[in-house]
Amino acid sequence: MKSWEAVNSAGAGLAGVEPDVGNAWDTVDAMVDGFFALLPNIAIAAVVFLVFWIVAKVIQKVVARATANRENGNLATVLSRLGYWVLLILGLLVAITIIVPSMTPGKLVSTLGIGGVAIAFAFKDIFQNLLAGILILLQKPFRVGDEITSGAFTGTVEAIETRATWIKTYDGIRVIVPNSQIYQEPVSVITAYGMVRSEYDVGIGYGDDIGQALEVALDTLKGIDGILDDPAPDVLVWELAGSTVNLRMRWWTNPKRANVVVKHSEVLRKVAEAMGAAGIDLPFPTRVVLLHDQTEATDGDRTKQREGWPAGDSPPPARTVAGALIQAAEQAPAQQGDKPAT
């Protein structure tokens, strides 16, 4: 009895499978029929998208050829690429509405709006660099070939692209700086005005004629080829240092780095030669060291605490530098005479 009951229950279960299989087949059949029904719409949508693609390519090529040799060629290239992708996206949206007529433009825009927020967060840095690159190309704070300083990098601008600016540093290294960083942070454009000022301090002795030194240095600067006459070079008394009177030389040259370095070397060499020929000293830094008892007798109350010995009624006598040298000279022969013969 139990075995017959099991068979009957299994048969009842299999009997319920047959309607489910039929429903699944009906669903697949409906999908296939729907696909064939949409084939004309799909064909029309493909043709429409192809037309948009052809138009986008033609516009991109026309803009590229029209601005091939112009100053704003980079900006035109960027705008042509943006126009190309905008037309492609627009063609895709039109094709979707043709394939699915129930997808109205309003529904499509709302759906893309939700997805657009997610895409904007995911590609925030890319969009930020793109917008900064377009603004740089529009405002033109610098151009390809200019020498700039951005952050820790100084060099020549090789290219300005939608994402980043390429800089070739003076030591031959290519640095790719994001456009958002360049747009937000200070940038020094070295070649912006066609000239740049250099300066250097040279020290002369306190016993030298300052007026003569100023004249010699200024005449030397004016005689160097490549130093601009307008603005004219100048030499100023800049500092009274410990062992020198410092003169500051200032001159203007072409801002290109190679020219600046060469002229800087030439200025230093010719000024040093001219100062030497005029008998003007370029002294080394000097330092005077006094021992604790090499002071004047009138230098304060020597019975009080002083540096090097304790306070008391019998301080050591003052010993000037000249006196110390005389005493050493007098003692030297005696010490040599006390040495045994070898």
C-alpha atoms as a PDB file:
ATOM      1  CA  MET A   1       0.000   0.000   0.000  1.00  0.00           C
ATOM      2  CA  LYS A   2       2.745   2.433   0.868  1.00  0.00           C
ATOM      3  CA  SER A   3       4.529   1.858  -2.454  1.00  0.00           C
ATOM      4  CA  TRP A   4       1.346   2.657  -4.447  1.00  0.00           C
ATOM      5  CA  GLU A   5       0.850   5.829  -2.464  1.00  0.00           C
ATOM      6  CA  ALA A   6       4.423   6.947  -3.285  1.00  0.00           C
ATOM      7  CA  VAL A   7       3.895   6.303  -6.989  1.00  0.00           C
ATOM      8  CA  ASN A   8       0.631   8.239  -6.984  1.00  0.00           C
ATOM      9  CA  SER A   9       2.264  11.223  -5.208  1.00  0.00           C
ATOM     10  CA  ALA A  10       5.188  11.260  -7.692  1.00  0.00           C
ATOM     11  CA  GLY A  11       2.754  11.188 -10.582  1.00  0.00           C
ATOM     12  CA  ALA A  12       0.855  14.082  -9.117  1.00  0.00           C
ATOM     13  CA  GLY A  13       4.120  16.097  -8.897  1.00  0.00           C
ATOM     14  CA  LEU A  14       5.047  15.386 -12.519  1.00  0.00           C
ATOM     15  CA  ALA A  15       1.609  16.389 -13.594  1.00  0.00           C
ATOM     16  CA  GLY A  16       2.269  19.900 -12.201  1.00  0.00           C
ATOM     17  CA  VAL A  17       5.493  20.272 -14.211  1.00  0.00           C
ATOM     18  CA  GLU A  18       3.833  20.105 -17.612  1.00  0.00           C
ATOM     19  CA  PRO A  19       1.894  23.401 -17.270  1.00  0.00           C
ATOM     20  CA  ASP A  20       5.076  25.193 -16.041  1.00  0.00           C
ATOM     21  CA  VAL A  21       7.051  24.036 -19.070  1.00  0.00           C
ATOM     22  CA  GLY A  22       4.284  25.256 -21.289  1.00  0.00           C
ATOM     23  CA  ASN A  23       4.314  28.700 -19.696  1.00  0.00           C
ATOM     24  CA  ALA A  24       8.082  28.982 -20.142  1.00  0.00           C
ATOM     25  CA  TRP A  25       7.821  28.014 -23.791  1.00  0.00           C
ATOM     26  CA  ASP A  26       5.098  30.589 -24.331  1.00  0.00           C
ATOM     27  CA  THR A  27       7.347  33.258 -22.784  1.00  0.00           C
ATOM     28  CA  VAL A  28      10.285  32.366 -25.037  1.00  0.00           C
ATOM     29  CA  ASP A  29       8.000  32.271 -28.050  1.00  0.00           C
ATOM     30  CA  ALA A  30       6.642  35.724 -27.187  1.00  0.00           C
ATOM     31  CA  MET A  31      10.163  37.114 -26.844  1.00  0.00           C
ATOM     32  CA  VAL A  32      11.171  35.709 -30.232  1.00  0.00           C
ATOM     33  CA  ASP A  33       8.046  37.151 -31.833  1.00  0.00           C
ATOM     34  CA  GLY A  34       8.738  40.499 -30.175  1.00  0.00           C
ATOM     35  CA  PHE A  35      12.304  40.489 -31.462  1.00  0.00           C
ATOM     36  CA  PHE A  36      11.203  39.840 -35.035  1.00  0.00           C
ATOM     37  CA  ALA A  37       8.541  42.511 -34.622  1.00  0.00           C
ATOM     38  CA  LEU A  38      11.259  45.003 -33.564  1.00  0.00           C
ATOM     39  CA  LEU A  39      13.598  44.138 -36.439  1.00  0.00           C
ATOM     40  CA  PRO A  40      12.350  47.009 -38.625  1.00  0.00           C
ATOM     41  CA  ASN A  41      12.811  49.440 -35.731  1.00  0.00           C
ATOM     42  CA  ILE A  42      16.285  48.067 -35.005  1.00  0.00           C
ATOM     43  CA  ALA A  43      17.264  48.469 -38.667  1.00  0.00           C
ATOM     44  CA  ILE A  44      15.985  52.057 -38.733  1.00  0.00           C
ATOM     45  CA  ALA A  45      17.766  52.814 -35.421  1.00  0.00           C
ATOM     46  CA  ALA A  46      21.035  51.395 -36.814  1.00  0.00           C
ATOM     47  CA  VAL A  47      20.744  53.596 -39.915  1.00  0.00           C
ATOM     48  CA  VAL A  48      20.014  56.675 -37.781  1.00  0.00           C
ATOM     49  CA  PHE A  49      22.997  55.985 -35.509  1.00  0.00           C
ATOM     50  CA  LEU A  50      25.224  55.456 -38.556  1.00  0.00           C
ATOM     51  CA  VAL A  51      24.133  58.850 -39.913  1.00  0.00           C
ATOM     52  CA  PHE A  52      24.977  60.530 -36.599  1.00  0.00           C
ATOM     53  CA  TRP A  53      28.392  58.797 -36.582  1.00  0.00           C
ATOM     54  CA  ILE A  54      29.187  59.942 -40.131  1.00  0.00           C
ATOM     55  CA  VAL A  55      28.163  63.519 -39.333  1.00  0.00           C
ATOM     56  CA  ALA A  56      30.299  63.508 -36.175  1.00  0.00           C
ATOM     57  CA  LYS A  57      33.365  62.243 -38.083  1.00  0.00           C
ATOM     58  CA  VAL A  58      32.906  64.811 -40.843  1.00  0.00           C
ATOM     59  CA  ILE A  59      32.606  67.677 -38.370  1.00  0.00           C
ATOM     60  CA  GLN A  60      35.688  66.495 -36.474  1.00  0.00           C
ATOM     61  CA  LYS A  61      37.800  66.301 -39.641  1.00  0.00           C
ATOM     62  CA  VAL A  62      36.590  69.663 -40.963  1.00  0.00           C
ATOM     63  CA  VAL A  63      37.440  71.425 -37.702  1.00  0.00           C
ATOM     64  CA  ALA A  64      40.845  69.706 -37.502  1.00  0.00           C
ATOM     65  CA  ARG A  65      41.769  70.764 -41.047  1.00  0.00           C
ATOM     66  CA  ALA A  66      40.487  74.317 -40.643  1.00  0.00           C
ATOM     67  CA  THR A  67      42.583  74.919 -37.522  1.00  0.00           C
ATOM     68  CA  ALA A  68      45.651  72.818 -38.355  1.00  0.00           C
ATOM     69  CA  ASN A  69      48.107  75.743 -38.472  1.00  0.00           C
ATOM     70  CA  ARG A  70      46.376  78.233 -36.206  1.00  0.00           C
ATOM     71  CA  GLU A  71      47.249  79.395 -32.736  1.00  0.00           C
ATOM     72  CA  ASN A  72      44.076  77.946 -31.193  1.00  0.00           C
ATOM     73  CA  GLY A  73      44.570  74.528 -32.762  1.00  0.00           C
ATOM     74  CA  ASN A  74      44.637  72.741 -29.400  1.00  0.00           C
ATOM     75  CA  LEU A  75      41.333  74.254 -28.339  1.00  0.00           C
ATOM     76  CA  ALA A  76      39.747  73.379 -31.685  1.00  0.00           C
ATOM     77  CA  THR A  77      40.953  69.793 -31.346  1.00  0.00           C
ATOM     78  CA  VAL A  78      39.420  69.507 -27.896  1.00  0.00           C
ATOM     79  CA  LEU A  79      36.116  71.024 -28.992  1.00  0.00           C
ATOM     80  CA  SER A  80      35.975  68.789 -32.074  1.00  0.00           C
ATOM     81  CA  ARG A  81      36.425  65.709 -29.897  1.00  0.00           C
ATOM     82  CA  LEU A  82      33.731  66.889 -27.506  1.00  0.00           C
ATOM     83  CA  GLY A  83      31.368  67.550 -30.427  1.00  0.00           C
ATOM     84  CA  TYR A  84      32.103  64.094 -31.812  1.00  0.00           C
ATOM     85  CA  TRP A  85      31.152  62.336 -28.587  1.00  0.00           C
ATOM     86  CA  VAL A  86      28.106  64.551 -28.010  1.00  0.00           C
ATOM     87  CA  LEU A  87      26.754  63.651 -31.444  1.00  0.00           C
ATOM     88  CA  LEU A  88      27.427  59.961 -30.858  1.00  0.00           C
ATOM     89  CA  ILE A  89      25.582  60.016 -27.540  1.00  0.00           C
ATOM     90  CA  LEU A  90      22.711  61.944 -29.087  1.00  0.00           C
ATOM     91  CA  GLY A  91      22.500  59.406 -31.923  1.00  0.00           C
ATOM     92  CA  LEU A  92      22.449  56.555 -29.410  1.00  0.00           C
ATOM     93  CA  LEU A  93      19.561  58.154 -27.499  1.00  0.00           C
ATOM     94  CA  VAL A  94      17.574  58.668 -30.693  1.00  0.00           C
ATOM     95  CA  ALA A  95      18.206  55.049 -31.696  1.00  0.00           C
ATOM     96  CA  ILE A  96      16.964  53.808 -28.319  1.00  0.00           C
ATOM     97  CA  THR A  97      13.727  55.771 -28.638  1.00  0.00           C
ATOM     98  CA  ILE A  98      13.191  54.294 -32.135  1.00  0.00           C
ATOM     99  CA  ILE A  99      13.721  50.723 -30.932  1.00  0.00           C
ATOM    100  CA  VAL A 100      11.592  51.154 -27.809  1.00  0.00           C
ATOM    101  CA  PRO A 101       8.774  53.591 -28.647  1.00  0.00           C
ATOM    102  CA  SER A 102       7.511  53.446 -25.057  1.00  0.00           C
ATOM    103  CA  MET A 103      10.774  55.017 -23.924  1.00  0.00           C
ATOM    104  CA  THR A 104       9.826  58.686 -24.226  1.00  0.00           C
ATOM    105  CA  PRO A 105      12.478  61.437 -24.117  1.00  0.00           C
ATOM    106  CA  GLY A 106      11.261  62.412 -20.644  1.00  0.00           C
ATOM    107  CA  LYS A 107      11.740  58.904 -19.241  1.00  0.00           C
ATOM    108  CA  LEU A 108      15.094  58.603 -20.963  1.00  0.00           C
ATOM    109  CA  VAL A 109      16.333  61.891 -19.529  1.00  0.00           C
ATOM    110  CA  SER A 110      15.202  60.963 -16.012  1.00  0.00           C
ATOM    111  CA  THR A 111      16.906  57.580 -16.277  1.00  0.00           C
ATOM    112  CA  LEU A 112      20.108  59.181 -17.568  1.00  0.00           C
ATOM    113  CA  GLY A 113      19.921  61.807 -14.831  1.00  0.00           C
ATOM    114  CA  ILE A 114      20.109  59.187 -12.097  1.00  0.00           C
ATOM    115  CA  GLY A 115      22.916  57.376 -13.886  1.00  0.00           C
ATOM    116  CA  GLY A 116      24.656  60.662 -14.640  1.00  0.00           C
ATOM    117  CA  VAL A 117      24.995  61.479 -10.952  1.00  0.00           C
ATOM    118  CA  ALA A 118      26.674  58.143 -10.328  1.00  0.00           C
ATOM    119  CA  ILE A 119      28.957  58.625 -13.332  1.00  0.00           C
ATOM    120  CA  ALA A 120      29.842  62.150 -12.222  1.00  0.00           C
ATOM    121  CA  PHE A 121      30.960  60.901  -8.804  1.00  0.00           C
ATOM    122  CA  ALA A 122      32.911  58.021 -10.332  1.00  0.00           C
ATOM    123  CA  PHE A 123      34.726  60.212 -12.868  1.00  0.00           C
ATOM    124  CA  LYS A 124      34.924  63.439 -10.876  1.00  0.00           C
ATOM    125  CA  ASP A 125      38.682  63.884 -11.328  1.00  0.00           C
ATOM    126  CA  ILE A 126      38.480  63.222 -15.064  1.00  0.00           C
ATOM    127  CA  PHE A 127      35.704  65.774 -15.567  1.00  0.00           C
ATOM    128  CA  GLN A 128      37.531  68.288 -13.369  1.00  0.00           C
ATOM    129  CA  ASN A 129      40.723  67.963 -15.406  1.00  0.00           C
ATOM    130  CA  LEU A 130      38.707  68.174 -18.647  1.00  0.00           C
ATOM    131  CA  LEU A 131      36.995  71.397 -17.608  1.00  0.00           C
ATOM    132  CA  ALA A 132      40.283  72.875 -16.363  1.00  0.00           C
ATOM    133  CA  GLY A 133      41.963  71.981 -19.657  1.00  0.00           C
ATOM    134  CA  ILE A 134      39.231  73.732 -21.655  1.00  0.00           C
ATOM    135  CA  LEU A 135      39.502  76.835 -19.463  1.00  0.00           C
ATOM    136  CA  ILE A 136      43.300  76.885 -19.863  1.00  0.00           C
ATOM    137  CA  LEU A 137      42.947  76.640 -23.647  1.00  0.00           C
ATOM    138  CA  LEU A 138      40.315  79.402 -23.659  1.00  0.00           C
ATOM    139  CA  GLN A 139      42.084  81.847 -21.309  1.00  0.00           C
ATOM    140  CA  LYS A 140      45.610  81.032 -22.582  1.00  0.00           C
ATOM    141  CA  PRO A 141      47.640  81.902 -19.459  1.00  0.00           C
ATOM    142  CA  PHE A 142      50.522  80.148 -21.214  1.00  0.00           C
ATOM    143  CA  ARG A 143      51.110  78.444 -24.550  1.00  0.00           C
ATOM    144  CA  VAL A 144      53.083  75.550 -25.931  1.00  0.00           C
ATOM    145  CA  GLY A 145      56.762  76.550 -25.873  1.00  0.00           C
ATOM    146  CA  ASP A 146      56.482  78.781 -22.799  1.00  0.00           C
ATOM    147  CA  GLU A 147      58.679  78.088 -19.781  1.00  0.00           C
ATOM    148  CA  ILE A 148      56.631  77.807 -16.591  1.00  0.00           C
ATOM    149  CA  THR A 149      56.925  76.752 -12.973  1.00  0.00           C
ATOM    150  CA  SER A 150      54.084  74.652 -11.565  1.00  0.00           C
ATOM    151  CA  GLY A 151      54.581  73.421  -8.026  1.00  0.00           C
ATOM    152  CA  ALA A 152      58.021  71.825  -7.811  1.00  0.00           C
ATOM    153  CA  PHE A 153      58.460  71.530 -11.586  1.00  0.00           C
ATOM    154  CA  THR A 154      60.020  74.078 -13.951  1.00  0.00           C
ATOM    155  CA  GLY A 155      60.410  73.563 -17.662  1.00  0.00           C
ATOM    156  CA  THR A 156      59.045  74.065 -21.172  1.00  0.00           C
ATOM    157  CA  VAL A 157      55.410  73.329 -22.037  1.00  0.00           C
ATOM    158  CA  GLU A 158      55.316  70.546 -24.627  1.00  0.00           C
ATOM    159  CA  ALA A 159      51.559  70.020 -24.944  1.00  0.00           C
ATOM    160  CA  ILE A 160      48.254  71.102 -23.390  1.00  0.00           C
ATOM    161  CA  GLU A 161      45.751  68.261 -23.504  1.00  0.00           C
ATOM    162  CA  THR A 162      42.268  67.805 -22.107  1.00  0.00           C
ATOM    163  CA  ARG A 163      43.515  65.868 -19.081  1.00  0.00           C
ATOM    164  CA  ALA A 164      46.989  67.192 -18.356  1.00  0.00           C
ATOM    165  CA  THR A 165      49.786  69.542 -19.405  1.00  0.00           C
ATOM    166  CA  TRP A 166      53.137  68.073 -20.449  1.00  0.00           C
ATOM    167  CA  ILE A 167      56.264  69.854 -19.185  1.00  0.00           C
ATOM    168  CA  LYS A 168      59.852  69.085 -20.182  1.00  0.00           C
ATOM    169  CA  THR A 169      62.113  70.062 -17.275  1.00  0.00           C
ATOM    170  CA  TYR A 170      65.547  71.605 -17.771  1.00  0.00           C
ATOM    171  CA  ASP A 171      67.229  68.292 -16.972  1.00  0.00           C
ATOM    172  CA  GLY A 172      65.337  66.468 -19.733  1.00  0.00           C
ATOM    173  CA  ILE A 173      62.515  64.850 -17.729  1.00  0.00           C
ATOM    174  CA  ARG A 174      58.915  64.837 -18.944  1.00  0.00           C
ATOM    175  CA  VAL A 175      56.406  65.714 -16.214  1.00  0.00           C
ATOM    176  CA  ILE A 176      52.667  65.290 -16.768  1.00  0.00           C
ATOM    177  CA  VAL A 177      50.773  67.684 -14.492  1.00  0.00           C
ATOM    178  CA  PRO A 178      46.960  67.375 -14.132  1.00  0.00           C
ATOM    179  CA  ASN A 179      45.158  70.421 -15.494  1.00  0.00           C
ATOM    180  CA  SER A 180      43.127  70.845 -12.303  1.00  0.00           C
ATOM    181  CA  GLN A 181      46.354  71.277 -10.333  1.00  0.00           C
ATOM    182  CA  ILE A 182      47.689  73.867 -12.784  1.00  0.00           C
ATOM    183  CA  TYR A 183      44.395  75.764 -12.825  1.00  0.00           C
ATOM    184  CA  GLN A 184      43.959  75.855  -9.029  1.00  0.00           C
ATOM    185  CA  GLU A 185      47.547  76.501  -7.908  1.00  0.00           C
ATOM    186  CA  PRO A 186      49.850  79.449  -8.725  1.00  0.00           C
ATOM    187  CA  VAL A 187      51.819  79.106 -11.964  1.00  0.00           C
ATOM    188  CA  SER A 188      54.865  81.222 -12.833  1.00  0.00           C
ATOM    189  CA  VAL A 189      55.142  81.924 -16.579  1.00  0.00           C
ATOM    190  CA  ILE A 190      58.830  82.732 -16.998  1.00  0.00           C
ATOM    191  CA  THR A 191      58.620  83.700 -20.677  1.00  0.00           C
ATOM    192  CA  ALA A 192      55.413  85.751 -20.392  1.00  0.00           C
ATOM    193  CA  TYR A 193      57.026  89.180 -20.993  1.00  0.00           C
ATOM    194  CA  GLY A 194      59.975  88.277 -23.192  1.00  0.00           C
ATOM    195  CA  MET A 195      62.601  89.232 -20.591  1.00  0.00           C
ATOM    196  CA  VAL A 196      63.645  88.273 -17.078  1.00  0.00           C
ATOM    197  CA  ARG A 197      65.850  89.891 -14.427  1.00  0.00           C
ATOM    198  CA  SER A 198      68.859  88.216 -12.833  1.00  0.00           C
ATOM    199  CA  GLU A 199      70.893  89.437  -9.862  1.00  0.00           C
ATOM    200  CA  TYR A 200      74.060  88.625  -7.967  1.00  0.00           C
ATOM    201  CA  ASP A 201      75.813  90.067  -4.890  1.00  0.00           C
ATOM    202  CA  VAL A 202      79.553  90.753  -4.970  1.00  0.00           C
ATOM    203  CA  GLY A 203      81.530  91.899  -1.925  1.00  0.00           C
ATOM    204  CA  ILE A 204      84.400  94.422  -1.913  1.00  0.00           C
ATOM    205  CA  GLY A 205      86.773  95.363   0.918  1.00  0.00           C
ATOM    206  CA  TYR A 206      85.959  98.175   3.323  1.00  0.00           C
ATOM    207  CA  GLY A 207      89.151  99.904   2.265  1.00  0.00           C
ATOM    208  CA  ASP A 208      88.180  99.993  -1.424  1.00  0.00           C
ATOM    209  CA  ASP A 209      86.577 102.911  -3.223  1.00  0.00           C
ATOM    210  CA  ILE A 210      82.862 102.095  -3.356  1.00  0.00           C
ATOM    211  CA  GLY A 211      82.160 104.611  -6.109  1.00  0.00           C
ATOM    212  CA  GLN A 212      84.869 103.149  -8.303  1.00  0.00           C
ATOM    213  CA  ALA A 213      83.603  99.624  -7.680  1.00  0.00           C
ATOM    214  CA  LEU A 214      80.055 100.641  -8.654  1.00  0.00           C
ATOM    215  CA  GLU A 215      81.328 102.230 -11.855  1.00  0.00           C
ATOM    216  CA  VAL A 216      83.474  99.245 -12.808  1.00  0.00           C
ATOM    217  CA  ALA A 217      80.655  96.750 -12.233  1.00  0.00           C
ATOM    218  CA  LEU A 218      78.093  98.840 -14.147  1.00  0.00           C
ATOM    219  CA  ASP A 219      80.401  99.426 -17.124  1.00  0.00           C
ATOM    220  CA  THR A 220      81.091  95.695 -17.255  1.00  0.00           C
ATOM    221  CA  LEU A 221      77.379  94.855 -17.310  1.00  0.00           C
ATOM    222  CA  LYS A 222      76.683  97.354 -20.070  1.00  0.00           C
ATOM    223  CA  GLY A 223      79.499  95.924 -22.185  1.00  0.00           C
ATOM    224  CA  ILE A 224      78.187  92.332 -22.202  1.00  0.00           C
ATOM    225  CA  ASP A 225      76.339  91.355 -25.374  1.00  0.00           C
ATOM    226  CA  GLY A 226      72.855  89.982 -24.628  1.00  0.00           C
ATOM    227  CA  ILE A 227      72.128  92.170 -21.575  1.00  0.00           C
ATOM    228  CA  LEU A 228      69.211  94.460 -22.424  1.00  0.00           C
ATOM    229  CA  ASP A 229      69.570  98.240 -22.497  1.00  0.00           C
ATOM    230  CA  ASP A 230      65.908  98.750 -21.602  1.00  0.00           C
ATOM    231  CA  PRO A 231      65.451  98.112 -18.733  1.00  0.00           C
ATOM    232  CA  ALA A 232      69.037  99.113 -18.103  1.00  0.00           C
ATOM    233  CA  PRO A 233      71.289  97.188 -15.706  1.00  0.00           C
ATOM    234  CA  ASP A 234      72.122  98.726 -12.339  1.00  0.00           C
ATOM    235  CA  VAL A 235      74.452  98.194  -9.379  1.00  0.00           C
ATOM    236  CA  LEU A 236      73.431  99.122  -5.819  1.00  0.00           C
ATOM    237  CA  VAL A 237      75.170  99.194  -2.431  1.00  0.00           C
ATOM    238  CA  TRP A 238      73.112  96.487  -0.774  1.00  0.00           C
ATOM    239  CA  GLU A 239      74.682  95.450   2.552  1.00  0.00           C
ATOM    240  CA  LEU A 240      77.454  96.338   4.997  1.00  0.00           C
ATOM    241  CA  ALA A 241      78.458  92.827   5.965  1.00  0.00           C
ATOM    242  CA  GLY A 242      80.966  91.628   8.534  1.00  0.00           C
ATOM    243  CA  SER A 243      83.998  91.738   6.251  1.00  0.00           C
ATOM    244  CA  THR A 244      82.695  93.126   2.939  1.00  0.00           C
ATOM    245  CA  VAL A 245      80.607  95.876   1.419  1.00  0.00           C
ATOM    246  CA  ASN A 246      78.109  93.944  -0.739  1.00  0.00           C
ATOM    247  CA  LEU A 247      77.078  95.342  -4.104  1.00  0.00           C
ATOM    248  CA  ARG A 248      73.992  93.933  -5.832  1.00  0.00           C
ATOM    249  CA  MET A 249      74.201  93.691  -9.623  1.00  0.00           C
ATOM    250  CA  ARG A 250      70.905  93.430 -11.542  1.00  0.00           C
ATOM    251  CA  TRP A 251      70.460  92.902 -15.277  1.00  0.00           C
ATOM    252  CA  TRP A 252      67.766  91.847 -17.790  1.00  0.00           C
ATOM    253  CA  THR A 253      68.100  89.199 -20.501  1.00  0.00           C
ATOM    254  CA  ASN A 254      66.070  86.949 -22.779  1.00  0.00           C
ATOM    255  CA  PRO A 255      64.036  84.672 -20.464  1.00  0.00           C
ATOM    256  CA  LYS A 256      65.025  81.377 -22.079  1.00  0.00           C
ATOM    257  CA  ARG A 257      66.807  79.240 -19.512  1.00  0.00           C
ATOM    258  CA  ALA A 258      69.838  78.479 -21.698  1.00  0.00           C
ATOM    259  CA  ASN A 259      70.434  82.187 -22.318  1.00  0.00           C
ATOM    260  CA  VAL A 260      69.977  83.129 -18.643  1.00  0.00           C
ATOM    261  CA  VAL A 261      72.560  80.568 -17.479  1.00  0.00           C
ATOM    262  CA  VAL A 262      75.145  81.579 -20.083  1.00  0.00           C
ATOM    263  CA  LYS A 263      74.808  85.302 -19.334  1.00  0.00           C
ATOM    264  CA  HIS A 264      74.978  84.685 -15.583  1.00  0.00           C
ATOM    265  CA  SER A 265      78.313  82.892 -16.010  1.00  0.00           C
ATOM    266  CA  GLU A 266      79.648  85.621 -18.304  1.00  0.00           C
ATOM    267  CA  VAL A 267      78.682  88.383 -15.863  1.00  0.00           C
ATOM    268  CA  LEU A 268      80.478  86.740 -12.940  1.00  0.00           C
ATOM    269  CA  ARG A 269      83.627  86.061 -14.949  1.00  0.00           C
ATOM    270  CA  LYS A 270      83.944  89.522 -16.490  1.00  0.00           C
ATOM    271  CA  VAL A 271      83.081  91.398 -13.280  1.00  0.00           C
ATOM    272  CA  ALA A 272      85.709  89.446 -11.341  1.00  0.00           C
ATOM    273  CA  GLU A 273      88.309  90.186 -14.039  1.00  0.00           C
ATOM    274  CA  ALA A 274      87.366  93.900 -14.160  1.00  0.00           C
ATOM    275  CA  MET A 275      87.520  94.277 -10.370  1.00  0.00           C
ATOM    276  CA  GLY A 276      90.927  92.638 -10.267  1.00  0.00           C
ATOM    277  CA  ALA A 277      92.237  94.846 -13.067  1.00  0.00           C
ATOM    278  CA  ALA A 278      91.023  97.948 -11.227  1.00  0.00           C
ATOM    279  CA  GLY A 279      92.779  96.889  -8.005  1.00  0.00           C
ATOM    280  CA  ILE A 280      89.529  96.348  -6.109  1.00  0.00           C
ATOM    281  CA  ASP A 281      89.731  93.606  -3.512  1.00  0.00           C
ATOM    282  CA  LEU A 282      87.196  90.787  -3.422  1.00  0.00           C
ATOM    283  CA  PRO A 283      88.016  89.578   0.084  1.00  0.00           C
ATOM    284  CA  PHE A 284      87.222  86.258   1.635  1.00  0.00           C
ATOM    285  CA  PRO A 285      85.064  86.260   4.777  1.00  0.00           C
ATOM    286  CA  THR A 286      87.316  86.944   7.807  1.00  0.00           C
ATOM    287  CA  ARG A 287      86.820  86.259  11.494  1.00  0.00           C
ATOM    288  CA  VAL A 288      88.652  87.772  14.466  1.00  0.00           C
ATOM    289  CA  VAL A 289      89.007  85.478  17.506  1.00  0.00           C
ATOM    290  CA  LEU A 290      89.959  87.077  20.875  1.00  0.00           C
ATOM    291  CA  LEU A 291      91.065  84.988  23.846  1.00  0.00           C
ATOM    292  CA  HIS A 292      89.519  85.793  27.218  1.00  0.00           C
ATOM    293  CA  ASP A 293      92.459  87.949  28.350  1.00  0.00           C
ATOM    294  CA  GLN A 294      92.990  89.721  25.042  1.00  0.00           C
ATOM    295  CA  THR A 295      90.829  92.709  25.988  1.00  0.00           C
ATOM    296  CA  GLU A 296      91.425  96.328  26.863  1.00  0.00           C
ATOM    297  CA  ALA A 297      92.126  97.271  30.485  1.00  0.00           C
ATOM    298  CA  THR A 298      89.227  99.709  30.412  1.00  0.00           C
ATOM    299  CA  ASP A 299      86.780  97.114  29.135  1.00  0.00           C
ATOM    300  CA  GLY A 300      84.451  96.934  32.168  1.00  0.00           C
ATOM    301  CA  ASP A 301      85.104  96.021  35.772  1.00  0.00           C
ATOM    302  CA  ARG A 302      87.605  93.174  35.704  1.00  0.00           C
ATOM    303  CA  THR A 303      87.042  92.290  39.364  1.00  0.00           C
ATOM    304  CA  LYS A 304      83.555  91.018  38.582  1.00  0.00           C
ATOM    305  CA  GLN A 305      82.621  87.768  36.966  1.00  0.00           C
ATOM    306  CA  ARG A 306      83.912  87.701  33.401  1.00  0.00           C
ATOM    307  CA  GLU A 307      83.901  85.077  30.736  1.00  0.00           C
ATOM    308  CA  GLY A 308      86.820  82.736  31.280  1.00  0.00           C
ATOM    309  CA  TRP A 309      87.727  83.352  34.921  1.00  0.00           C
ATOM    310  CA  PRO A 310      85.953  83.741  38.296  1.00  0.00           C
ATOM    311  CA  ALA A 311      85.306  86.997  40.118  1.00  0.00           C
ATOM    312  CA  GLY A 312      87.905  88.225  42.597  1.00  0.00           C
ATOM    313  CA  ASP A 313      90.170  91.050  43.695  1.00  0.00           C
ATOM    314  CA  SER A 314      93.121  89.883  41.559  1.00  0.00           C
ATOM    315  CA  PRO A 315      91.891  89.331  37.984  1.00  0.00           C
ATOM    316  CA  PRO A 316      94.437  88.549  35.272  1.00  0.00           C
ATOM    317  CA  PRO A 317      95.893  91.624  33.588  1.00  0.00           C
ATOM    318  CA  ALA A 318      94.653  92.740  30.202  1.00  0.00           C
ATOM    319  CA  ARG A 319      96.681  91.463  27.286  1.00  0.00           C
ATOM    320  CA  THR A 320      96.022  93.009  23.883  1.00  0.00           C
ATOM    321  CA  VAL A 321      96.549  91.178  20.628  1.00  0.00           C
ATOM    322  CA  ALA A 322      99.603  93.297  19.806  1.00  0.00           C
ATOM    323  CA  GLY A 323     101.124  92.643  23.229  1.00  0.00           C
ATOM    324  CA  ALA A 324     100.501  88.918  22.896  1.00  0.00           C
ATOM    325  CA  LEU A 325     102.261  88.855  19.512  1.00  0.00           C
ATOM    326  CA  ILE A 326     105.284  90.795  20.887  1.00  0.00           C
ATOM    327  CA  GLN A 327     105.500  88.487  23.873  1.00  0.00           C
ATOM    328  CA  ALA A 328     105.342  85.410  21.649  1.00  0.00           C
ATOM    329  CA  ALA A 329     108.075  86.811  19.387  1.00  0.00           C
ATOM    330  CA  GLU A 330     110.323  87.496  22.362  1.00  0.00           C
ATOM    331  CA  GLN A 331     109.838  84.034  23.787  1.00  0.00           C
ATOM    332  CA  ALA A 332     110.396  82.186  20.517  1.00  0.00           C
ATOM    333  CA  PRO A 333     114.228  82.626  20.325  1.00  0.00           C
ATOM    334  CA  ALA A 334     114.644  81.654  23.946  1.00  0.00           C
ATOM    335  CA  GLN A 335     112.611  78.504  23.453  1.00  0.00           C
ATOM    336  CA  GLN A 336     114.590  77.598  20.365  1.00  0.00           C
ATOM    337  CA  GLY A 337     117.862  78.084  22.286  1.00  0.00           C
ATOM    338  CA  ASP A 338     116.725  75.690  25.021  1.00  0.00           C
ATOM    339  CA  LYS A 339     116.253  72.841  22.557  1.00  0.00           C
ATOM    340  CA  PRO A 340     119.020  70.250  22.571  1.00  0.00           C
ATOM    341  CA  ALA A 341     121.080  69.942  19.420  1.00  0.00           C
ATOM    342  CA  THR A 342     120.237  67.031  17.164  1.00  0.00           C
END
